[in-house]
Protein backbone atom coordinates (compact mmCIF):
# COMPACT_ATOMS: atom_id res chain seq x y z
CA MET A 1 0.00 0.00 0.00
CA PRO A 2 1.50 3.39 -0.89
CA PRO A 3 2.21 5.81 1.91
CA GLN A 4 -0.68 8.13 2.77
CA GLY A 5 -0.30 11.91 2.61
CA GLY A 6 3.07 13.64 2.60
CA ASP A 7 4.25 12.45 -0.83
CA ILE A 8 7.16 14.89 -0.67
CA ASP A 9 8.29 13.36 2.63
CA ALA A 10 7.94 9.87 1.17
CA GLU A 11 10.10 10.87 -1.79
CA ALA A 12 12.72 12.43 0.51
CA LEU A 13 12.84 9.29 2.65
CA GLU A 14 13.05 7.08 -0.42
CA ALA A 15 16.00 9.16 -1.64
CA ILE A 16 17.95 8.16 1.47
CA GLY A 17 16.94 4.52 1.22
CA ILE A 18 13.85 4.32 3.45
CA ASP A 19 11.04 2.27 1.95
CA LEU A 20 7.83 3.43 3.64
CA SER A 21 5.91 0.44 2.29
CA ALA A 22 8.32 -1.90 4.09
CA ILE A 23 8.05 0.17 7.27
CA ARG A 24 4.24 0.08 7.03
CA GLU A 25 4.36 -3.73 6.71
CA LYS A 26 6.52 -4.00 9.85
CA VAL A 27 4.24 -1.70 11.84
CA GLU A 28 1.15 -3.61 10.72
CA ALA A 29 2.82 -6.91 11.62
CA ALA A 30 3.38 -5.54 15.14
CA PHE A 31 0.08 -3.66 15.64
CA GLY A 32 -2.35 -5.22 13.18
CA PRO A 33 -3.56 -4.45 9.66
CA GLY A 34 -4.52 -0.84 9.08
CA ALA A 35 -2.97 0.29 12.39
CA LEU A 36 -1.60 3.43 10.74
CA ASP A 37 -4.90 4.21 9.01
CA ARG A 38 -7.25 4.13 12.00
CA PRO A 39 -8.30 7.54 13.29
CA PRO A 40 -8.12 7.95 17.06
CA ARG A 41 -11.42 7.21 18.77
CA PRO A 42 -12.76 10.25 20.57
CA GLY A 43 -13.87 9.66 24.10
CA ARG A 44 -15.29 12.01 26.69
CA LYS A 45 -14.84 15.66 25.91
CA GLY A 46 -13.95 14.76 22.32
CA ARG A 47 -10.48 13.53 23.28
CA PRO A 48 -8.96 10.14 22.50
CA PHE A 49 -9.14 7.73 25.46
CA GLY A 50 -11.90 9.78 27.12
CA GLY A 51 -9.49 12.41 28.38
CA ARG A 52 -7.71 9.91 30.64
CA HIS A 53 -3.97 10.14 31.16
CA ILE A 54 -2.18 7.40 29.24
CA PRO A 55 1.20 6.82 30.92
CA PHE A 56 4.35 6.56 28.83
CA THR A 57 6.47 3.44 29.00
CA PRO A 58 9.98 3.91 30.41
CA ARG A 59 11.41 3.56 26.89
CA ALA A 60 9.02 6.20 25.51
CA LYS A 61 10.00 8.55 28.37
CA LYS A 62 13.68 7.98 27.56
CA THR A 63 13.06 8.65 23.86
CA LEU A 64 11.25 11.90 24.65
CA GLU A 65 14.05 12.93 27.01
CA LEU A 66 16.59 12.23 24.27
CA SER A 67 14.43 14.21 21.82
CA LEU A 68 14.61 17.19 24.16
CA ARG A 69 18.38 16.80 24.47
CA GLU A 70 18.68 16.71 20.67
CA ALA A 71 16.62 19.91 20.36
CA ILE A 72 18.73 21.64 23.03
CA HIS A 73 21.95 20.47 21.34
CA LEU A 74 20.73 21.94 18.05
CA ARG A 75 19.74 25.15 19.90
CA HIS A 76 16.09 24.81 18.96
CA ASN A 77 13.34 26.13 21.22
CA HIS A 78 10.86 23.43 20.20
CA ILE A 79 10.66 19.68 19.69
CA ALA A 80 9.59 18.64 16.19
CA ASP A 81 9.10 15.22 14.64
CA GLY A 82 12.72 15.24 13.49
CA HIS A 83 13.90 15.63 17.08
CA VAL A 84 11.70 12.70 18.12
CA LEU A 85 13.19 10.57 15.35
CA LEU A 86 16.67 11.56 16.53
CA GLY A 87 15.59 10.43 20.01
CA VAL A 88 14.40 7.10 18.60
CA LEU A 89 17.74 6.62 16.84
CA ARG A 90 19.72 7.59 19.93
CA GLU A 91 17.69 5.30 22.23
CA GLY A 92 18.31 2.56 19.69
CA GLU A 93 16.45 -0.40 21.20
CA GLY A 94 12.72 0.31 20.86
CA LEU A 95 10.31 -0.94 18.24
CA GLY A 96 10.90 2.07 15.98
CA ALA A 97 14.66 1.55 16.02
CA ARG A 98 14.23 -2.18 15.40
CA ILE A 99 11.95 -1.55 12.41
CA LEU A 100 14.47 0.90 10.94
CA ALA A 101 17.34 -1.54 11.56
CA GLU A 102 15.43 -4.43 9.96
CA ALA A 103 14.86 -2.19 6.93
CA ASP A 104 18.66 -1.83 6.72
CA ILE A 105 18.57 1.89 7.47
CA ASP A 106 21.98 3.25 8.39
CA PHE A 107 21.38 5.21 11.59
CA ALA A 108 24.41 7.49 11.14
CA THR A 109 23.34 8.47 7.62
CA LEU A 110 19.73 9.01 8.67
CA ARG A 111 20.90 11.09 11.63
CA ARG A 112 23.00 13.35 9.38
CA GLU A 113 20.08 13.80 6.98
CA ILE A 114 17.66 14.69 9.79
CA VAL A 115 20.07 17.18 11.37
CA THR A 116 20.57 18.80 7.96
CA GLU A 117 16.79 19.05 7.43
CA LEU A 118 16.24 20.48 10.89
CA GLY A 119 18.84 23.17 10.17
């Protein structure tokens, strides 16, 4: 299935060797068919999960902490998706990192490309 939305991003990722179709297959193998296509279910007050607090796993907390460190290192006053991906790469052991590794993505090359894009 072709990637949804963001065709420019898909082309940029493909240019550095990331096959979004392969990534989608891995995610769906882990979370079920169509996992990336399902909209969040609104709960109470129109929020997903009924407005309840959903705690982060320790690995997710570490990844977010590393994302913040990446943003600070780059002297950015915000955390964008690129910073989160840098955090995933730096953490290196979670599902996202495993999927990228299984797709034969070179972390050092991807890191350089992300840093360049983030400016």
